[in-house]
């Protein structure tokens, strides 16, 4: 198993140059980027409704499978709307709870599809933040 410091050493970075405050800044940056990506993608999916648009175009738009998925989605949404948290949410906001739940699922799929890009990017940006807070130290093997 690859240990965290080995991940950086293999890429030409020296993790021993980081201070405790730098590591805290890196962790905070990583988490802030994660929450921003979560809520940003959820908001985008709520506004754009990608599943609705994708299901209505192309050769699969009238297929039996897509119709079954829609029915399953409606059934899931009706069960989800009855949950106490969603009832509370519906009463406190003007957002449509069914659309909100569907956009959460769409956002989950989007984030999972983009994991190969977002996770390394978050790690890199967290490391850069940690180095910035620790002092201006440059990576060893980068030209």
C-alpha atoms as a PDB file:
ATOM      1  CA  UNK A   1       0.000   0.000   0.000  1.00  0.00           C
ATOM      2  CA  UNK A   2       1.259   3.440  -0.937  1.00  0.00           C
ATOM      3  CA  UNK A   3       1.858   5.590   2.149  1.00  0.00           C
ATOM      4  CA  UNK A   4       0.946   9.289   1.958  1.00  0.00           C
ATOM      5  CA  UNK A   5       4.549  10.529   1.970  1.00  0.00           C
ATOM      6  CA  UNK A   6       5.455   8.042  -0.783  1.00  0.00           C
ATOM      7  CA  UNK A   7       2.738   9.529  -2.989  1.00  0.00           C
ATOM      8  CA  UNK A   8       4.490  12.914  -2.879  1.00  0.00           C
ATOM      9  CA  UNK A   9       8.041  11.537  -3.048  1.00  0.00           C
ATOM     10  CA  UNK A  10       7.242   9.587  -6.244  1.00  0.00           C
ATOM     11  CA  UNK A  11       6.177  12.863  -7.839  1.00  0.00           C
ATOM     12  CA  UNK A  12       9.263  14.803  -6.800  1.00  0.00           C
ATOM     13  CA  UNK A  13       7.897  16.504  -3.692  1.00  0.00           C
ATOM     14  CA  UNK A  14       9.504  16.387  -0.279  1.00  0.00           C
ATOM     15  CA  UNK A  15       6.842  16.050   2.446  1.00  0.00           C
ATOM     16  CA  UNK A  16       9.397  16.729   5.198  1.00  0.00           C
ATOM     17  CA  UNK A  17       9.428  20.436   4.267  1.00  0.00           C
ATOM     18  CA  UNK A  18       5.898  20.921   5.550  1.00  0.00           C
ATOM     19  CA  UNK A  19       5.218  22.535   8.891  1.00  0.00           C
ATOM     20  CA  UNK A  20       2.315  21.576  11.141  1.00  0.00           C
ATOM     21  CA  UNK A  21       0.463  24.745  10.152  1.00  0.00           C
ATOM     22  CA  UNK A  22       1.175  23.930   6.500  1.00  0.00           C
ATOM     23  CA  UNK A  23      -0.310  20.452   6.902  1.00  0.00           C
ATOM     24  CA  UNK A  24      -3.366  21.962   8.589  1.00  0.00           C
ATOM     25  CA  UNK A  25      -3.719  24.410   5.692  1.00  0.00           C
ATOM     26  CA  UNK A  26      -3.403  21.551   3.205  1.00  0.00           C
ATOM     27  CA  UNK A  27      -6.073  19.538   5.008  1.00  0.00           C
ATOM     28  CA  UNK A  28      -8.361  22.568   5.230  1.00  0.00           C
ATOM     29  CA  UNK A  29      -7.837  23.284   1.528  1.00  0.00           C
ATOM     30  CA  UNK A  30      -8.604  19.684   0.601  1.00  0.00           C
ATOM     31  CA  UNK A  31     -11.821  19.662   2.626  1.00  0.00           C
ATOM     32  CA  UNK A  32     -12.898  23.099   1.424  1.00  0.00           C
ATOM     33  CA  UNK A  33     -12.415  22.041  -2.191  1.00  0.00           C
ATOM     34  CA  UNK A  34     -14.389  18.855  -1.506  1.00  0.00           C
ATOM     35  CA  UNK A  35     -17.349  20.676   0.030  1.00  0.00           C
ATOM     36  CA  UNK A  36     -17.251  23.330  -2.688  1.00  0.00           C
ATOM     37  CA  UNK A  37     -17.298  20.644  -5.382  1.00  0.00           C
ATOM     38  CA  UNK A  38     -20.131  18.811  -3.603  1.00  0.00           C
ATOM     39  CA  UNK A  39     -22.406  21.815  -3.222  1.00  0.00           C
ATOM     40  CA  UNK A  40     -21.386  23.373  -6.536  1.00  0.00           C
ATOM     41  CA  UNK A  41     -22.129  20.233  -8.531  1.00  0.00           C
ATOM     42  CA  UNK A  42     -25.386  19.745  -6.630  1.00  0.00           C
ATOM     43  CA  UNK A  43     -26.444  23.313  -7.450  1.00  0.00           C
ATOM     44  CA  UNK A  44     -25.511  22.934 -11.106  1.00  0.00           C
ATOM     45  CA  UNK A  45     -27.474  19.677 -11.337  1.00  0.00           C
ATOM     46  CA  UNK A  46     -30.465  21.288  -9.594  1.00  0.00           C
ATOM     47  CA  UNK A  47     -30.477  24.150 -12.090  1.00  0.00           C
ATOM     48  CA  UNK A  48     -29.689  22.210 -15.297  1.00  0.00           C
ATOM     49  CA  UNK A  49     -31.376  18.832 -14.613  1.00  0.00           C
ATOM     50  CA  UNK A  50     -28.973  16.779 -16.760  1.00  0.00           C
ATOM     51  CA  UNK A  51     -30.816  13.455 -16.356  1.00  0.00           C
ATOM     52  CA  UNK A  52     -34.046  14.916 -17.669  1.00  0.00           C
ATOM     53  CA  UNK A  53     -32.286  16.330 -20.742  1.00  0.00           C
ATOM     54  CA  UNK A  54     -30.252  13.191 -21.428  1.00  0.00           C
ATOM     55  CA  UNK A  55     -33.275  10.913 -21.062  1.00  0.00           C
ATOM     56  CA  UNK A  56     -35.281  12.921 -23.570  1.00  0.00           C
ATOM     57  CA  UNK A  57     -32.779  12.829 -26.459  1.00  0.00           C
ATOM     58  CA  UNK A  58     -31.174  10.062 -28.434  1.00  0.00           C
ATOM     59  CA  UNK A  59     -32.280   6.588 -29.396  1.00  0.00           C
ATOM     60  CA  UNK A  60     -32.908   5.544 -25.793  1.00  0.00           C
ATOM     61  CA  UNK A  61     -35.465   8.284 -25.027  1.00  0.00           C
ATOM     62  CA  UNK A  62     -38.475   5.993 -25.597  1.00  0.00           C
ATOM     63  CA  UNK A  63     -36.904   2.705 -24.582  1.00  0.00           C
ATOM     64  CA  UNK A  64     -38.481   0.401 -22.043  1.00  0.00           C
ATOM     65  CA  UNK A  65     -35.402   0.603 -19.826  1.00  0.00           C
ATOM     66  CA  UNK A  66     -35.554   4.393 -19.553  1.00  0.00           C
ATOM     67  CA  UNK A  67     -39.277   4.232 -18.788  1.00  0.00           C
ATOM     68  CA  UNK A  68     -38.583   1.691 -16.023  1.00  0.00           C
ATOM     69  CA  UNK A  69     -35.852   3.926 -14.609  1.00  0.00           C
ATOM     70  CA  UNK A  70     -38.227   6.874 -14.589  1.00  0.00           C
ATOM     71  CA  UNK A  71     -40.842   4.849 -12.726  1.00  0.00           C
ATOM     72  CA  UNK A  72     -38.259   3.614 -10.239  1.00  0.00           C
ATOM     73  CA  UNK A  73     -37.018   7.182  -9.790  1.00  0.00           C
ATOM     74  CA  UNK A  74     -40.546   8.457  -9.171  1.00  0.00           C
ATOM     75  CA  UNK A  75     -41.149   5.672  -6.649  1.00  0.00           C
ATOM     76  CA  UNK A  76     -37.868   6.437  -4.888  1.00  0.00           C
ATOM     77  CA  UNK A  77     -38.643  10.169  -4.857  1.00  0.00           C
ATOM     78  CA  UNK A  78     -42.102   9.626  -3.377  1.00  0.00           C
ATOM     79  CA  UNK A  79     -40.599   7.496  -0.593  1.00  0.00           C
ATOM     80  CA  UNK A  80     -37.840  10.045  -0.040  1.00  0.00           C
ATOM     81  CA  UNK A  81     -40.320  12.914   0.250  1.00  0.00           C
ATOM     82  CA  UNK A  82     -41.929  11.195   3.246  1.00  0.00           C
ATOM     83  CA  UNK A  83     -38.701  11.066   5.239  1.00  0.00           C
ATOM     84  CA  UNK A  84     -38.649  13.503   8.190  1.00  0.00           C
ATOM     85  CA  UNK A  85     -35.557  15.349   6.973  1.00  0.00           C
ATOM     86  CA  UNK A  86     -37.095  15.984   3.550  1.00  0.00           C
ATOM     87  CA  UNK A  87     -40.416  17.049   5.076  1.00  0.00           C
ATOM     88  CA  UNK A  88     -38.518  19.517   7.260  1.00  0.00           C
ATOM     89  CA  UNK A  89     -36.473  20.665   4.260  1.00  0.00           C
ATOM     90  CA  UNK A  90     -39.590  21.178   2.128  1.00  0.00           C
ATOM     91  CA  UNK A  91     -41.218  23.246   4.859  1.00  0.00           C
ATOM     92  CA  UNK A  92     -38.146  25.433   5.417  1.00  0.00           C
ATOM     93  CA  UNK A  93     -37.172  26.184   1.803  1.00  0.00           C
ATOM     94  CA  UNK A  94     -38.855  27.004  -1.453  1.00  0.00           C
ATOM     95  CA  UNK A  95     -36.949  24.260  -3.289  1.00  0.00           C
ATOM     96  CA  UNK A  96     -38.802  21.302  -4.769  1.00  0.00           C
ATOM     97  CA  UNK A  97     -37.849  18.308  -2.604  1.00  0.00           C
ATOM     98  CA  UNK A  98     -38.192  15.776  -5.442  1.00  0.00           C
ATOM     99  CA  UNK A  99     -36.021  17.826  -7.757  1.00  0.00           C
ATOM    100  CA  UNK A 100     -33.576  18.430  -4.914  1.00  0.00           C
ATOM    101  CA  UNK A 101     -33.251  14.686  -4.243  1.00  0.00           C
ATOM    102  CA  UNK A 102     -32.881  13.912  -7.959  1.00  0.00           C
ATOM    103  CA  UNK A 103     -30.218  16.576  -8.380  1.00  0.00           C
ATOM    104  CA  UNK A 104     -28.355  15.078  -5.422  1.00  0.00           C
ATOM    105  CA  UNK A 105     -28.259  11.725  -7.200  1.00  0.00           C
ATOM    106  CA  UNK A 106     -27.181  13.367 -10.465  1.00  0.00           C
ATOM    107  CA  UNK A 107     -24.471  15.255  -8.624  1.00  0.00           C
ATOM    108  CA  UNK A 108     -23.250  12.006  -7.041  1.00  0.00           C
ATOM    109  CA  UNK A 109     -22.933  10.346 -10.455  1.00  0.00           C
ATOM    110  CA  UNK A 110     -21.189  13.402 -11.907  1.00  0.00           C
ATOM    111  CA  UNK A 111     -18.673  13.542  -9.050  1.00  0.00           C
ATOM    112  CA  UNK A 112     -17.941   9.822  -9.300  1.00  0.00           C
ATOM    113  CA  UNK A 113     -17.389  10.065 -13.055  1.00  0.00           C
ATOM    114  CA  UNK A 114     -14.949  12.930 -12.551  1.00  0.00           C
ATOM    115  CA  UNK A 115     -13.042  11.330  -9.652  1.00  0.00           C
ATOM    116  CA  UNK A 116      -9.951  10.542 -11.775  1.00  0.00           C
ATOM    117  CA  UNK A 117      -9.546  14.282 -12.343  1.00  0.00           C
ATOM    118  CA  UNK A 118     -10.833  15.871  -9.157  1.00  0.00           C
ATOM    119  CA  UNK A 119      -9.064  13.734  -6.540  1.00  0.00           C
ATOM    120  CA  UNK A 120      -5.523  14.262  -7.896  1.00  0.00           C
ATOM    121  CA  UNK A 121      -6.317  17.950  -8.419  1.00  0.00           C
ATOM    122  CA  UNK A 122      -7.519  18.312  -4.825  1.00  0.00           C
ATOM    123  CA  UNK A 123      -4.411  16.546  -3.531  1.00  0.00           C
ATOM    124  CA  UNK A 124      -2.120  18.723  -5.632  1.00  0.00           C
ATOM    125  CA  UNK A 125      -3.841  21.972  -4.581  1.00  0.00           C
ATOM    126  CA  UNK A 126      -3.805  20.894  -0.929  1.00  0.00           C
ATOM    127  CA  UNK A 127      -0.078  20.210  -1.169  1.00  0.00           C
ATOM    128  CA  UNK A 128       0.534  23.582  -2.821  1.00  0.00           C
ATOM    129  CA  UNK A 129      -1.427  25.312  -0.032  1.00  0.00           C
ATOM    130  CA  UNK A 130       0.590  23.423   2.582  1.00  0.00           C
ATOM    131  CA  UNK A 131       3.864  24.435   0.944  1.00  0.00           C
ATOM    132  CA  UNK A 132       2.679  28.040   0.647  1.00  0.00           C
ATOM    133  CA  UNK A 133       1.848  28.219   4.360  1.00  0.00           C
ATOM    134  CA  UNK A 134       5.045  26.361   5.350  1.00  0.00           C
ATOM    135  CA  UNK A 135       7.217  28.750   3.362  1.00  0.00           C
ATOM    136  CA  UNK A 136       8.181  29.256  -0.245  1.00  0.00           C
ATOM    137  CA  UNK A 137       9.797  25.904  -0.996  1.00  0.00           C
ATOM    138  CA  UNK A 138       9.825  24.604  -4.575  1.00  0.00           C
ATOM    139  CA  UNK A 139       9.364  20.952  -5.581  1.00  0.00           C
ATOM    140  CA  UNK A 140      12.635  19.024  -5.982  1.00  0.00           C
ATOM    141  CA  UNK A 141      12.415  17.640  -9.513  1.00  0.00           C
ATOM    142  CA  UNK A 142      10.216  20.157 -11.288  1.00  0.00           C
ATOM    143  CA  UNK A 143      11.800  22.357 -13.899  1.00  0.00           C
END
